[in-house]
Amino acid sequence: MRIDLARLHPGPPVLAEVATPYGPAVARWRGDPADPPGPYAVEWTIDEDHAVVRPAAGPGPQIRTDGELLVLRGEFDGDGVLRIGTAVVLLDLPGRPPGPLEIAVPREHAELYPYTL
């Protein structure tokens, strides 16, 4: 997913304030703590053990913050892929049926891994 890094908050953990095509987010930054603001391509990792998973409460795709939580809303395929618009987040949710899904996770348990295209 393409994001715009607004700023990093020193940690531990280092938290990133970012803008995504689907809304604002705050998540753990797994790049260099000295990375400058600007555009990045990132991969999301969600710690399912700390997440609350429920049917989506409204239309998606959407990414937002709710206090100390990061909320991701998209379409789950039943095989471990949550589609948030054109972005893909891999999840380990065995037995979860396909359909609209919302995941709320403490922001330090949602990680952003920047990579170069």
N, C-alpha and C. Protein backbone atom coordinates (compact mmCIF):
# COMPACT_ATOMS: atom_id res chain seq x y z
N MET A 1 0.84 -1.17 0.00
CA MET A 1 0.00 0.00 0.00
C MET A 1 0.89 1.23 0.00
N ARG A 2 0.47 2.23 -0.70
CA ARG A 2 1.16 3.52 -0.69
C ARG A 2 0.62 4.35 0.48
N ILE A 3 1.55 4.96 1.22
CA ILE A 3 1.16 5.82 2.34
C ILE A 3 2.01 7.09 2.28
N ASP A 4 1.57 8.09 3.00
CA ASP A 4 2.38 9.29 3.22
C ASP A 4 2.69 9.34 4.70
N LEU A 5 3.98 9.24 5.01
CA LEU A 5 4.44 9.32 6.39
C LEU A 5 4.44 10.79 6.81
N ALA A 6 3.64 11.11 7.83
CA ALA A 6 3.58 12.48 8.33
C ALA A 6 4.68 12.73 9.34
N ARG A 7 4.81 11.80 10.31
CA ARG A 7 5.88 11.92 11.30
C ARG A 7 6.01 10.63 12.09
N LEU A 8 7.18 10.51 12.72
CA LEU A 8 7.47 9.38 13.58
C LEU A 8 7.56 9.86 15.01
N HIS A 9 7.00 9.08 15.92
CA HIS A 9 7.08 9.35 17.35
C HIS A 9 8.10 8.38 17.93
N PRO A 10 9.13 8.92 18.60
CA PRO A 10 10.16 8.02 19.14
C PRO A 10 9.57 7.05 20.15
N GLY A 11 10.15 5.91 20.23
CA GLY A 11 9.61 4.87 21.10
C GLY A 11 10.56 4.56 22.23
N PRO A 12 10.53 3.36 22.69
CA PRO A 12 9.89 2.26 21.98
C PRO A 12 8.41 2.14 22.29
N PRO A 13 7.60 1.62 21.39
CA PRO A 13 7.93 1.40 19.98
C PRO A 13 7.84 2.72 19.21
N VAL A 14 8.51 2.76 18.08
CA VAL A 14 8.41 3.92 17.18
C VAL A 14 7.06 3.83 16.49
N LEU A 15 6.25 4.88 16.64
CA LEU A 15 4.93 4.91 16.01
C LEU A 15 4.93 5.92 14.87
N ALA A 16 4.26 5.54 13.79
CA ALA A 16 4.18 6.39 12.60
C ALA A 16 2.77 6.92 12.44
N GLU A 17 2.66 8.21 12.20
CA GLU A 17 1.40 8.81 11.77
C GLU A 17 1.44 8.85 10.25
N VAL A 18 0.44 8.21 9.63
CA VAL A 18 0.43 8.12 8.18
C VAL A 18 -0.95 8.45 7.62
N ALA A 19 -0.94 8.85 6.36
CA ALA A 19 -2.17 9.00 5.60
C ALA A 19 -2.20 7.89 4.55
N THR A 20 -3.31 7.17 4.48
CA THR A 20 -3.49 6.12 3.48
C THR A 20 -4.60 6.55 2.53
N PRO A 21 -4.76 5.86 1.42
CA PRO A 21 -5.88 6.18 0.52
C PRO A 21 -7.24 5.94 1.17
N TYR A 22 -7.27 5.25 2.33
CA TYR A 22 -8.53 4.87 2.96
C TYR A 22 -8.73 5.51 4.33
N GLY A 23 -7.84 6.44 4.69
CA GLY A 23 -7.97 7.15 5.94
C GLY A 23 -6.66 7.21 6.71
N PRO A 24 -6.64 7.97 7.82
CA PRO A 24 -5.43 8.13 8.61
C PRO A 24 -5.18 6.92 9.51
N ALA A 25 -3.89 6.73 9.86
CA ALA A 25 -3.54 5.61 10.73
C ALA A 25 -2.34 5.98 11.60
N VAL A 26 -2.26 5.29 12.73
CA VAL A 26 -1.07 5.32 13.57
C VAL A 26 -0.72 3.85 13.83
N ALA A 27 0.52 3.48 13.50
CA ALA A 27 0.95 2.09 13.66
C ALA A 27 2.45 2.06 13.94
N ARG A 28 2.91 0.91 14.37
CA ARG A 28 4.33 0.72 14.67
C ARG A 28 5.14 0.77 13.38
N TRP A 29 6.20 1.55 13.37
CA TRP A 29 7.05 1.71 12.19
C TRP A 29 8.22 0.74 12.27
N ARG A 30 8.38 -0.08 11.25
CA ARG A 30 9.46 -1.06 11.21
C ARG A 30 10.56 -0.67 10.24
N GLY A 31 10.54 0.60 9.80
CA GLY A 31 11.64 1.12 9.00
C GLY A 31 12.67 1.76 9.90
N ASP A 32 13.51 2.58 9.33
CA ASP A 32 14.53 3.30 10.08
C ASP A 32 13.86 4.39 10.90
N PRO A 33 14.15 4.47 12.20
CA PRO A 33 13.54 5.53 13.01
C PRO A 33 13.90 6.94 12.55
N ALA A 34 14.90 7.06 11.67
CA ALA A 34 15.30 8.36 11.13
C ALA A 34 14.69 8.62 9.76
N ASP A 35 13.80 7.75 9.27
CA ASP A 35 13.18 7.96 7.96
C ASP A 35 12.48 9.31 7.91
N PRO A 36 12.67 10.05 6.82
CA PRO A 36 12.02 11.36 6.71
C PRO A 36 10.55 11.22 6.30
N PRO A 37 9.75 12.25 6.57
CA PRO A 37 8.37 12.25 6.08
C PRO A 37 8.34 12.15 4.56
N GLY A 38 7.23 11.63 4.04
CA GLY A 38 7.08 11.52 2.60
C GLY A 38 6.38 10.24 2.21
N PRO A 39 6.32 9.98 0.91
CA PRO A 39 5.62 8.79 0.42
C PRO A 39 6.46 7.52 0.59
N TYR A 40 5.77 6.44 0.93
CA TYR A 40 6.40 5.13 1.09
C TYR A 40 5.43 4.06 0.59
N ALA A 41 5.99 2.94 0.19
CA ALA A 41 5.21 1.72 -0.03
C ALA A 41 5.43 0.86 1.21
N VAL A 42 4.34 0.33 1.78
CA VAL A 42 4.45 -0.46 3.01
C VAL A 42 3.65 -1.74 2.91
N GLU A 43 4.08 -2.69 3.72
CA GLU A 43 3.30 -3.91 3.94
C GLU A 43 2.82 -3.85 5.38
N TRP A 44 1.55 -4.21 5.60
CA TRP A 44 0.96 -4.24 6.93
C TRP A 44 1.14 -5.62 7.54
N THR A 45 1.41 -5.67 8.84
CA THR A 45 1.37 -6.91 9.61
C THR A 45 0.51 -6.64 10.84
N ILE A 46 -0.46 -7.51 11.06
CA ILE A 46 -1.38 -7.37 12.19
C ILE A 46 -1.17 -8.56 13.13
N ASP A 47 -1.02 -8.29 14.42
CA ASP A 47 -0.92 -9.35 15.42
C ASP A 47 -2.35 -9.76 15.80
N GLU A 48 -2.82 -10.84 15.19
CA GLU A 48 -4.20 -11.29 15.40
C GLU A 48 -4.50 -11.64 16.85
N ASP A 49 -3.47 -12.02 17.61
CA ASP A 49 -3.67 -12.38 19.02
C ASP A 49 -4.13 -11.20 19.86
N HIS A 50 -3.90 -9.98 19.39
CA HIS A 50 -4.31 -8.78 20.12
C HIS A 50 -5.45 -8.05 19.44
N ALA A 51 -6.03 -8.65 18.41
CA ALA A 51 -7.06 -7.99 17.61
C ALA A 51 -8.46 -8.46 17.99
N VAL A 52 -9.40 -7.56 17.82
CA VAL A 52 -10.82 -7.90 17.91
C VAL A 52 -11.33 -7.93 16.47
N VAL A 53 -11.86 -9.08 16.07
CA VAL A 53 -12.34 -9.27 14.70
C VAL A 53 -13.84 -9.38 14.75
N ARG A 54 -14.52 -8.61 13.89
CA ARG A 54 -15.98 -8.63 13.87
C ARG A 54 -16.47 -8.32 12.45
N PRO A 55 -17.73 -8.63 12.17
CA PRO A 55 -18.30 -8.23 10.89
C PRO A 55 -18.23 -6.70 10.77
N ALA A 56 -18.00 -6.22 9.56
CA ALA A 56 -17.88 -4.78 9.34
C ALA A 56 -19.17 -4.07 9.75
N ALA A 57 -19.00 -2.96 10.47
CA ALA A 57 -20.14 -2.19 10.99
C ALA A 57 -20.64 -1.14 10.00
N GLY A 58 -20.01 -1.04 8.86
CA GLY A 58 -20.41 -0.05 7.87
C GLY A 58 -19.69 -0.31 6.57
N PRO A 59 -19.83 0.61 5.63
CA PRO A 59 -19.21 0.41 4.32
C PRO A 59 -17.69 0.53 4.40
N GLY A 60 -17.02 -0.14 3.53
CA GLY A 60 -15.56 -0.08 3.44
C GLY A 60 -15.16 0.16 2.01
N PRO A 61 -13.91 0.22 1.72
CA PRO A 61 -12.80 0.04 2.63
C PRO A 61 -12.57 1.28 3.50
N GLN A 62 -11.95 1.04 4.65
CA GLN A 62 -11.68 2.14 5.56
C GLN A 62 -10.53 1.78 6.49
N ILE A 63 -9.71 2.78 6.77
CA ILE A 63 -8.66 2.70 7.80
C ILE A 63 -8.85 3.92 8.67
N ARG A 64 -8.87 3.71 9.99
CA ARG A 64 -9.06 4.85 10.89
C ARG A 64 -8.48 4.52 12.25
N THR A 65 -8.35 5.55 13.07
CA THR A 65 -7.95 5.36 14.45
C THR A 65 -9.16 5.59 15.33
N ASP A 66 -9.16 4.89 16.45
CA ASP A 66 -10.21 5.03 17.45
C ASP A 66 -9.51 4.99 18.81
N GLY A 67 -9.10 6.17 19.29
CA GLY A 67 -8.30 6.22 20.51
C GLY A 67 -6.95 5.58 20.25
N GLU A 68 -6.61 4.56 21.04
CA GLU A 68 -5.33 3.85 20.90
C GLU A 68 -5.42 2.67 19.92
N LEU A 69 -6.58 2.52 19.28
CA LEU A 69 -6.79 1.39 18.36
C LEU A 69 -6.65 1.84 16.91
N LEU A 70 -6.18 0.92 16.09
CA LEU A 70 -6.22 1.06 14.65
C LEU A 70 -7.35 0.16 14.16
N VAL A 71 -8.20 0.68 13.30
CA VAL A 71 -9.32 -0.09 12.78
C VAL A 71 -9.17 -0.22 11.26
N LEU A 72 -9.19 -1.46 10.79
CA LEU A 72 -9.11 -1.76 9.36
C LEU A 72 -10.42 -2.40 8.94
N ARG A 73 -11.01 -1.90 7.88
CA ARG A 73 -12.27 -2.46 7.39
C ARG A 73 -12.11 -2.80 5.91
N GLY A 74 -12.48 -4.03 5.57
CA GLY A 74 -12.36 -4.47 4.18
C GLY A 74 -13.14 -5.74 3.95
N GLU A 75 -12.80 -6.41 2.86
CA GLU A 75 -13.47 -7.64 2.45
C GLU A 75 -12.53 -8.81 2.69
N PHE A 76 -12.97 -9.75 3.55
CA PHE A 76 -12.18 -10.94 3.86
C PHE A 76 -12.57 -12.05 2.91
N ASP A 77 -11.57 -12.75 2.35
CA ASP A 77 -11.87 -13.79 1.36
C ASP A 77 -12.08 -15.18 1.96
N GLY A 78 -11.89 -15.33 3.28
CA GLY A 78 -12.06 -16.63 3.92
C GLY A 78 -10.80 -17.48 3.89
N ASP A 79 -9.79 -17.06 3.12
CA ASP A 79 -8.54 -17.81 3.00
C ASP A 79 -7.34 -17.04 3.53
N GLY A 80 -7.57 -16.01 4.32
CA GLY A 80 -6.46 -15.30 4.94
C GLY A 80 -6.11 -13.96 4.33
N VAL A 81 -6.94 -13.46 3.41
CA VAL A 81 -6.65 -12.19 2.76
C VAL A 81 -7.76 -11.19 3.07
N LEU A 82 -7.37 -10.06 3.66
CA LEU A 82 -8.29 -8.94 3.85
C LEU A 82 -7.94 -7.90 2.80
N ARG A 83 -8.89 -7.60 1.93
CA ARG A 83 -8.70 -6.59 0.89
C ARG A 83 -9.26 -5.27 1.38
N ILE A 84 -8.38 -4.30 1.44
CA ILE A 84 -8.77 -2.94 1.80
C ILE A 84 -8.57 -2.12 0.54
N GLY A 85 -9.62 -2.00 -0.25
CA GLY A 85 -9.47 -1.38 -1.57
C GLY A 85 -8.55 -2.25 -2.41
N THR A 86 -7.48 -1.65 -2.91
CA THR A 86 -6.52 -2.40 -3.72
C THR A 86 -5.42 -3.03 -2.88
N ALA A 87 -5.38 -2.73 -1.58
CA ALA A 87 -4.33 -3.26 -0.69
C ALA A 87 -4.74 -4.61 -0.13
N VAL A 88 -3.74 -5.42 0.20
CA VAL A 88 -3.95 -6.75 0.75
C VAL A 88 -3.24 -6.84 2.10
N VAL A 89 -3.96 -7.34 3.11
CA VAL A 89 -3.38 -7.62 4.42
C VAL A 89 -3.60 -9.10 4.69
N LEU A 90 -2.51 -9.82 4.94
CA LEU A 90 -2.61 -11.25 5.22
C LEU A 90 -2.92 -11.47 6.69
N LEU A 91 -3.88 -12.35 6.96
CA LEU A 91 -4.33 -12.62 8.32
C LEU A 91 -4.42 -14.12 8.56
N ASP A 92 -4.19 -14.53 9.78
CA ASP A 92 -4.34 -15.93 10.17
C ASP A 92 -5.63 -16.04 10.97
N LEU A 93 -6.75 -16.26 10.26
CA LEU A 93 -8.07 -16.35 10.89
C LEU A 93 -8.76 -17.63 10.42
N PRO A 94 -8.27 -18.79 10.87
CA PRO A 94 -8.86 -20.05 10.41
C PRO A 94 -10.33 -20.15 10.78
N GLY A 95 -11.11 -20.64 9.83
CA GLY A 95 -12.53 -20.85 10.08
C GLY A 95 -13.39 -19.61 9.93
N ARG A 96 -12.80 -18.48 9.69
CA ARG A 96 -13.57 -17.23 9.54
C ARG A 96 -14.20 -17.22 8.15
N PRO A 97 -15.52 -17.04 8.05
CA PRO A 97 -16.15 -17.04 6.73
C PRO A 97 -15.83 -15.76 5.95
N PRO A 98 -15.92 -15.82 4.64
CA PRO A 98 -15.68 -14.62 3.83
C PRO A 98 -16.77 -13.58 4.06
N GLY A 99 -16.42 -12.33 3.78
CA GLY A 99 -17.39 -11.25 3.88
C GLY A 99 -16.76 -9.99 4.42
N PRO A 100 -17.56 -8.94 4.56
CA PRO A 100 -17.05 -7.68 5.11
C PRO A 100 -16.56 -7.87 6.54
N LEU A 101 -15.37 -7.34 6.83
CA LEU A 101 -14.72 -7.60 8.11
C LEU A 101 -14.08 -6.32 8.64
N GLU A 102 -14.09 -6.21 9.97
CA GLU A 102 -13.44 -5.10 10.63
C GLU A 102 -12.52 -5.66 11.70
N ILE A 103 -11.30 -5.14 11.74
CA ILE A 103 -10.32 -5.56 12.74
C ILE A 103 -9.91 -4.33 13.53
N ALA A 104 -10.00 -4.41 14.85
CA ALA A 104 -9.52 -3.35 15.74
C ALA A 104 -8.36 -3.92 16.53
N VAL A 105 -7.22 -3.23 16.48
CA VAL A 105 -6.01 -3.73 17.13
C VAL A 105 -5.27 -2.55 17.76
N PRO A 106 -4.70 -2.74 18.95
CA PRO A 106 -3.87 -1.67 19.52
C PRO A 106 -2.79 -1.28 18.52
N ARG A 107 -2.56 0.00 18.36
CA ARG A 107 -1.68 0.48 17.29
C ARG A 107 -0.26 -0.08 17.38
N GLU A 108 0.21 -0.44 18.57
CA GLU A 108 1.56 -1.02 18.65
C GLU A 108 1.59 -2.47 18.17
N HIS A 109 0.42 -3.06 17.90
CA HIS A 109 0.34 -4.42 17.38
C HIS A 109 -0.06 -4.46 15.91
N ALA A 110 -0.03 -3.29 15.27
CA ALA A 110 -0.17 -3.17 13.82
C ALA A 110 1.14 -2.56 13.32
N GLU A 111 1.80 -3.23 12.40
CA GLU A 111 3.13 -2.82 11.99
C GLU A 111 3.17 -2.46 10.51
N LEU A 112 3.99 -1.44 10.21
CA LEU A 112 4.21 -0.99 8.85
C LEU A 112 5.67 -1.28 8.47
N TYR A 113 5.85 -2.08 7.41
CA TYR A 113 7.18 -2.41 6.92
C TYR A 113 7.38 -1.71 5.57
N PRO A 114 8.20 -0.65 5.54
CA PRO A 114 8.42 0.02 4.25
C PRO A 114 9.32 -0.82 3.34
N TYR A 115 9.09 -0.71 2.04
CA TYR A 115 9.92 -1.39 1.05
C TYR A 115 10.02 -0.52 -0.19
N THR A 116 11.00 -0.81 -1.02
CA THR A 116 11.17 -0.06 -2.26
C THR A 116 10.54 -0.83 -3.40
N LEU A 117 9.97 -0.11 -4.30
CA LEU A 117 9.32 -0.73 -5.47
C LEU A 117 10.32 -1.01 -6.57
